[in-house]
N, C-alpha and C. Protein backbone atom coordinates (compact mmCIF):
# COMPACT_ATOMS: atom_id res chain seq x y z
N MET A 1 0.85 -1.18 0.00
CA MET A 1 0.00 0.00 0.00
C MET A 1 0.89 1.24 0.00
N ARG A 2 0.54 2.21 -0.82
CA ARG A 2 1.33 3.43 -0.96
C ARG A 2 0.97 4.42 0.14
N ASN A 3 2.00 5.05 0.72
CA ASN A 3 1.78 6.05 1.76
C ASN A 3 1.32 7.36 1.11
N PRO A 4 0.11 7.87 1.46
CA PRO A 4 -0.39 9.10 0.85
C PRO A 4 0.45 10.32 1.23
N LEU A 5 1.20 10.23 2.31
CA LEU A 5 2.02 11.36 2.73
C LEU A 5 3.33 11.45 1.97
N SER A 6 3.67 10.39 1.23
CA SER A 6 4.92 10.40 0.48
C SER A 6 4.83 11.24 -0.79
N LYS A 7 3.63 11.56 -1.21
CA LYS A 7 3.46 12.38 -2.39
C LYS A 7 3.85 13.83 -2.08
N LYS A 8 4.69 14.40 -2.92
CA LYS A 8 5.18 15.76 -2.70
C LYS A 8 4.05 16.76 -2.97
N PRO A 9 3.70 17.60 -1.98
CA PRO A 9 2.61 18.56 -2.19
C PRO A 9 3.08 19.69 -3.11
N LYS A 10 2.12 20.27 -3.81
CA LYS A 10 2.43 21.41 -4.67
C LYS A 10 2.65 22.65 -3.81
N THR A 11 3.52 23.51 -4.29
CA THR A 11 3.76 24.76 -3.57
C THR A 11 2.58 25.70 -3.80
N PRO A 12 2.35 26.65 -2.88
CA PRO A 12 1.23 27.58 -3.06
C PRO A 12 1.31 28.36 -4.37
N SER A 13 2.52 28.70 -4.81
CA SER A 13 2.63 29.48 -6.05
C SER A 13 2.20 28.64 -7.25
N GLN A 14 2.46 27.33 -7.24
CA GLN A 14 2.05 26.48 -8.36
C GLN A 14 0.54 26.36 -8.44
N THR A 15 -0.12 26.20 -7.31
CA THR A 15 -1.57 26.04 -7.33
C THR A 15 -2.28 27.35 -7.57
N SER A 16 -1.79 28.46 -7.01
CA SER A 16 -2.47 29.74 -7.16
C SER A 16 -2.38 30.25 -8.59
N GLN A 17 -1.27 29.99 -9.30
CA GLN A 17 -1.16 30.44 -10.69
C GLN A 17 -2.13 29.71 -11.58
N LYS A 18 -2.34 28.44 -11.32
CA LYS A 18 -3.30 27.69 -12.13
C LYS A 18 -4.71 28.20 -11.90
N LYS A 19 -5.07 28.47 -10.67
CA LYS A 19 -6.41 28.91 -10.35
C LYS A 19 -6.69 30.31 -10.88
N ARG A 20 -5.70 31.21 -10.79
CA ARG A 20 -5.90 32.58 -11.24
C ARG A 20 -5.84 32.72 -12.74
N GLY A 21 -5.20 31.79 -13.40
CA GLY A 21 -5.06 31.90 -14.85
C GLY A 21 -4.17 33.06 -15.23
N THR A 22 -2.98 33.15 -14.66
CA THR A 22 -2.07 34.24 -14.93
C THR A 22 -1.78 34.32 -16.43
N PRO A 23 -2.02 35.51 -17.04
CA PRO A 23 -1.78 35.62 -18.47
C PRO A 23 -0.31 35.55 -18.81
N LYS A 24 -0.02 35.11 -20.03
CA LYS A 24 1.36 35.04 -20.49
C LYS A 24 1.69 36.35 -21.19
N TRP A 25 2.83 36.92 -20.85
CA TRP A 25 3.26 38.20 -21.42
C TRP A 25 4.25 37.95 -22.53
N THR A 26 4.02 38.59 -23.66
CA THR A 26 4.99 38.56 -24.76
C THR A 26 5.06 39.97 -25.33
N GLY A 27 6.24 40.54 -25.35
CA GLY A 27 6.40 41.90 -25.87
C GLY A 27 5.57 42.89 -25.08
N SER A 28 4.80 43.70 -25.76
CA SER A 28 3.98 44.70 -25.09
C SER A 28 2.50 44.32 -25.10
N VAL A 29 2.19 43.05 -25.23
CA VAL A 29 0.81 42.59 -25.27
C VAL A 29 0.59 41.43 -24.31
N VAL A 30 -0.62 41.27 -23.89
CA VAL A 30 -1.02 40.12 -23.08
C VAL A 30 -1.91 39.28 -23.97
N GLU A 31 -1.48 38.03 -24.18
CA GLU A 31 -2.24 37.10 -25.03
C GLU A 31 -2.65 37.75 -26.35
N GLY A 32 -1.74 38.49 -26.96
CA GLY A 32 -2.00 39.09 -28.26
C GLY A 32 -2.75 40.41 -28.21
N ARG A 33 -2.88 41.01 -27.05
CA ARG A 33 -3.64 42.26 -26.93
C ARG A 33 -2.75 43.38 -26.41
N ASP A 34 -2.99 44.60 -26.89
CA ASP A 34 -2.29 45.77 -26.35
C ASP A 34 -2.85 46.07 -24.97
N VAL A 35 -1.96 46.41 -24.03
CA VAL A 35 -2.37 46.60 -22.65
C VAL A 35 -2.33 48.08 -22.27
N ARG A 36 -3.34 48.50 -21.56
CA ARG A 36 -3.42 49.86 -21.05
C ARG A 36 -3.46 49.79 -19.52
N ILE A 37 -2.80 50.73 -18.86
CA ILE A 37 -2.76 50.77 -17.41
C ILE A 37 -3.78 51.79 -16.92
N ARG A 38 -4.60 51.37 -15.98
CA ARG A 38 -5.57 52.25 -15.34
C ARG A 38 -5.31 52.21 -13.83
N VAL A 39 -5.49 53.34 -13.17
CA VAL A 39 -5.32 53.40 -11.72
C VAL A 39 -6.65 53.80 -11.11
N ASP A 40 -7.12 53.02 -10.15
CA ASP A 40 -8.33 53.35 -9.40
C ASP A 40 -7.91 54.26 -8.26
N TRP A 41 -8.12 55.56 -8.43
CA TRP A 41 -7.64 56.57 -7.47
C TRP A 41 -8.25 56.39 -6.09
N GLU A 42 -9.44 55.84 -6.02
CA GLU A 42 -10.09 55.63 -4.72
C GLU A 42 -9.45 54.48 -3.94
N LEU A 43 -8.87 53.52 -4.64
CA LEU A 43 -8.25 52.38 -3.98
C LEU A 43 -6.79 52.61 -3.62
N CYS A 44 -6.10 53.46 -4.37
CA CYS A 44 -4.66 53.68 -4.16
C CYS A 44 -4.42 54.38 -2.83
N MET A 45 -3.60 53.76 -1.99
CA MET A 45 -3.28 54.33 -0.69
C MET A 45 -1.80 54.68 -0.54
N GLY A 46 -1.07 54.60 -1.64
CA GLY A 46 0.32 55.03 -1.63
C GLY A 46 1.31 54.04 -1.07
N ALA A 47 1.05 52.76 -1.20
CA ALA A 47 2.00 51.76 -0.71
C ALA A 47 3.32 51.83 -1.47
N ALA A 48 3.29 52.26 -2.71
CA ALA A 48 4.45 52.52 -3.55
C ALA A 48 5.23 51.28 -3.96
N SER A 49 4.66 50.11 -3.84
CA SER A 49 5.36 48.91 -4.32
C SER A 49 5.48 48.95 -5.84
N CYS A 50 4.50 49.53 -6.51
CA CYS A 50 4.56 49.65 -7.96
C CYS A 50 5.70 50.57 -8.39
N VAL A 51 5.90 51.65 -7.63
CA VAL A 51 6.97 52.60 -7.93
C VAL A 51 8.33 51.93 -7.73
N ALA A 52 8.45 51.11 -6.70
CA ALA A 52 9.71 50.43 -6.43
C ALA A 52 10.05 49.43 -7.54
N LEU A 53 9.03 48.77 -8.10
CA LEU A 53 9.26 47.77 -9.14
C LEU A 53 9.39 48.38 -10.54
N ALA A 54 8.65 49.45 -10.80
CA ALA A 54 8.65 50.06 -12.14
C ALA A 54 8.71 51.59 -12.03
N PRO A 55 9.86 52.15 -11.63
CA PRO A 55 9.95 53.60 -11.42
C PRO A 55 9.83 54.43 -12.70
N LYS A 56 10.05 53.82 -13.87
CA LYS A 56 9.89 54.56 -15.12
C LYS A 56 8.43 54.58 -15.59
N VAL A 57 7.59 53.78 -14.93
CA VAL A 57 6.18 53.69 -15.30
C VAL A 57 5.29 54.42 -14.29
N PHE A 58 5.57 54.24 -13.00
CA PHE A 58 4.72 54.81 -11.95
C PHE A 58 5.48 55.85 -11.12
N LYS A 59 4.73 56.85 -10.64
CA LYS A 59 5.32 57.89 -9.78
C LYS A 59 4.28 58.34 -8.77
N LEU A 60 4.70 58.46 -7.52
CA LEU A 60 3.84 59.03 -6.48
C LEU A 60 4.30 60.47 -6.23
N ASP A 61 3.38 61.40 -6.32
CA ASP A 61 3.71 62.80 -6.10
C ASP A 61 2.91 63.30 -4.89
N TRP A 62 3.51 63.19 -3.71
CA TRP A 62 2.82 63.54 -2.48
C TRP A 62 2.53 65.03 -2.37
N ALA A 63 3.19 65.87 -3.16
CA ALA A 63 2.93 67.32 -3.14
C ALA A 63 1.52 67.63 -3.66
N LYS A 64 0.96 66.75 -4.47
CA LYS A 64 -0.39 66.95 -5.02
C LYS A 64 -1.50 66.56 -4.05
N LYS A 65 -1.16 65.86 -2.97
CA LYS A 65 -2.18 65.42 -2.00
C LYS A 65 -2.58 66.61 -1.13
N LYS A 66 -3.87 66.93 -1.11
CA LYS A 66 -4.34 68.10 -0.39
C LYS A 66 -4.85 67.81 1.01
N SER A 67 -5.39 66.62 1.21
CA SER A 67 -5.92 66.27 2.53
C SER A 67 -5.77 64.78 2.77
N VAL A 68 -6.02 64.37 4.00
CA VAL A 68 -5.93 62.96 4.36
C VAL A 68 -6.96 62.13 3.60
N ALA A 69 -8.11 62.73 3.31
CA ALA A 69 -9.19 62.03 2.62
C ALA A 69 -8.89 61.81 1.14
N ASP A 70 -7.97 62.58 0.57
CA ASP A 70 -7.63 62.43 -0.85
C ASP A 70 -6.91 61.11 -1.07
N PRO A 71 -7.15 60.48 -2.24
CA PRO A 71 -6.39 59.28 -2.56
C PRO A 71 -4.93 59.64 -2.85
N ALA A 72 -4.08 58.65 -2.83
CA ALA A 72 -2.67 58.87 -3.13
C ALA A 72 -2.52 59.30 -4.59
N PRO A 73 -1.66 60.26 -4.84
CA PRO A 73 -1.50 60.80 -6.20
C PRO A 73 -0.54 59.96 -7.05
N LEU A 74 -1.00 58.81 -7.49
CA LEU A 74 -0.19 57.93 -8.33
C LEU A 74 -0.35 58.33 -9.79
N GLU A 75 0.77 58.51 -10.47
CA GLU A 75 0.75 58.87 -11.87
C GLU A 75 1.34 57.74 -12.71
N VAL A 76 0.81 57.56 -13.91
CA VAL A 76 1.39 56.64 -14.87
C VAL A 76 2.22 57.50 -15.81
N LEU A 77 3.53 57.35 -15.74
CA LEU A 77 4.44 58.16 -16.54
C LEU A 77 4.51 57.67 -17.99
N ASP A 78 4.75 56.38 -18.16
CA ASP A 78 4.94 55.81 -19.48
C ASP A 78 4.50 54.35 -19.45
N GLU A 79 3.42 54.03 -20.16
CA GLU A 79 2.89 52.66 -20.15
C GLU A 79 3.85 51.64 -20.73
N LYS A 80 4.80 52.09 -21.51
CA LYS A 80 5.77 51.19 -22.12
C LYS A 80 7.18 51.46 -21.58
N GLY A 81 7.26 52.01 -20.36
CA GLY A 81 8.52 52.42 -19.77
C GLY A 81 9.40 51.29 -19.27
N THR A 82 8.87 50.09 -19.21
CA THR A 82 9.65 48.92 -18.78
C THR A 82 9.04 47.68 -19.41
N ALA A 83 9.63 46.55 -19.13
CA ALA A 83 9.14 45.29 -19.70
C ALA A 83 7.71 45.00 -19.21
N PRO A 84 6.86 44.45 -20.07
CA PRO A 84 5.49 44.13 -19.68
C PRO A 84 5.42 43.21 -18.46
N GLU A 85 6.38 42.30 -18.34
CA GLU A 85 6.40 41.41 -17.18
C GLU A 85 6.54 42.20 -15.89
N THR A 86 7.34 43.26 -15.94
CA THR A 86 7.56 44.10 -14.77
C THR A 86 6.31 44.89 -14.42
N ILE A 87 5.61 45.38 -15.43
CA ILE A 87 4.36 46.10 -15.19
C ILE A 87 3.34 45.18 -14.56
N PHE A 88 3.28 43.94 -15.06
CA PHE A 88 2.35 42.97 -14.49
C PHE A 88 2.70 42.68 -13.03
N LEU A 89 3.99 42.52 -12.72
CA LEU A 89 4.42 42.30 -11.34
C LEU A 89 4.11 43.50 -10.46
N ALA A 90 4.27 44.70 -11.00
CA ALA A 90 3.95 45.92 -10.24
C ALA A 90 2.45 45.97 -9.92
N ALA A 91 1.63 45.61 -10.89
CA ALA A 91 0.18 45.57 -10.65
C ALA A 91 -0.17 44.52 -9.60
N GLN A 92 0.49 43.36 -9.68
CA GLN A 92 0.24 42.31 -8.69
C GLN A 92 0.71 42.72 -7.30
N SER A 93 1.73 43.55 -7.22
CA SER A 93 2.30 43.92 -5.92
C SER A 93 1.42 44.89 -5.14
N CYS A 94 0.48 45.54 -5.80
CA CYS A 94 -0.38 46.52 -5.12
C CYS A 94 -1.30 45.81 -4.13
N PRO A 95 -1.16 46.11 -2.83
CA PRO A 95 -2.00 45.44 -1.84
C PRO A 95 -3.47 45.85 -1.90
N TYR A 96 -3.76 46.94 -2.57
CA TYR A 96 -5.14 47.44 -2.66
C TYR A 96 -5.79 47.15 -4.01
N ARG A 97 -5.04 46.49 -4.92
CA ARG A 97 -5.53 46.17 -6.26
C ARG A 97 -5.99 47.43 -7.00
N ALA A 98 -5.23 48.51 -6.86
CA ALA A 98 -5.58 49.78 -7.48
C ALA A 98 -5.14 49.88 -8.92
N ILE A 99 -4.21 49.03 -9.34
CA ILE A 99 -3.71 49.08 -10.71
C ILE A 99 -4.45 48.04 -11.54
N LYS A 100 -5.12 48.53 -12.57
CA LYS A 100 -5.89 47.67 -13.46
C LYS A 100 -5.20 47.64 -14.81
N LEU A 101 -5.11 46.47 -15.40
CA LEU A 101 -4.58 46.32 -16.74
C LEU A 101 -5.73 45.91 -17.64
N GLU A 102 -5.88 46.60 -18.76
CA GLU A 102 -7.00 46.30 -19.65
C GLU A 102 -6.54 46.28 -21.10
N ASP A 103 -7.33 45.62 -21.91
CA ASP A 103 -7.11 45.58 -23.35
C ASP A 103 -7.47 46.95 -23.90
N SER A 104 -6.55 47.59 -24.60
CA SER A 104 -6.80 48.96 -25.07
C SER A 104 -7.87 49.01 -26.16
N ALA A 105 -8.07 47.95 -26.91
CA ALA A 105 -9.08 47.95 -27.98
C ALA A 105 -10.47 47.65 -27.45
N THR A 106 -10.60 46.61 -26.62
CA THR A 106 -11.93 46.17 -26.18
C THR A 106 -12.31 46.69 -24.81
N LYS A 107 -11.36 47.27 -24.07
CA LYS A 107 -11.55 47.75 -22.68
C LYS A 107 -11.82 46.63 -21.70
N GLU A 108 -11.56 45.39 -22.12
CA GLU A 108 -11.72 44.24 -21.24
C GLU A 108 -10.62 44.26 -20.16
N GLN A 109 -11.03 44.09 -18.91
CA GLN A 109 -10.07 44.10 -17.82
C GLN A 109 -9.31 42.78 -17.81
N LEU A 110 -7.96 42.87 -17.86
CA LEU A 110 -7.12 41.68 -17.89
C LEU A 110 -6.57 41.35 -16.51
N TYR A 111 -6.39 42.37 -15.67
CA TYR A 111 -5.91 42.17 -14.30
C TYR A 111 -6.44 43.29 -13.43
N PRO A 112 -6.83 43.07 -12.23
CA PRO A 112 -7.06 41.79 -11.56
C PRO A 112 -8.36 41.18 -11.98
């Protein structure tokens, strides 16, 4: 009889990628589509993980923030400022899911 515990369990990253259906990035398109970056200003709280990963694409300008109630002033500098894989990782790194990636032709949301 085979021991069920001898089977090597899958790592969380292996199972979560299959469930989420992470798109494959090639060049400046996702699955053959041009990608546009959108920021949900109400969700952005200025964690700045996107800026750390893609500083040529994202910028936080705290001088533009007028009050505590205002959302963080995240700017998209250049949608093609770095590799698409890096932009995707920057979007994934946002703890508030404020960065949306969409198909520029159909406006279909690709992430999250």
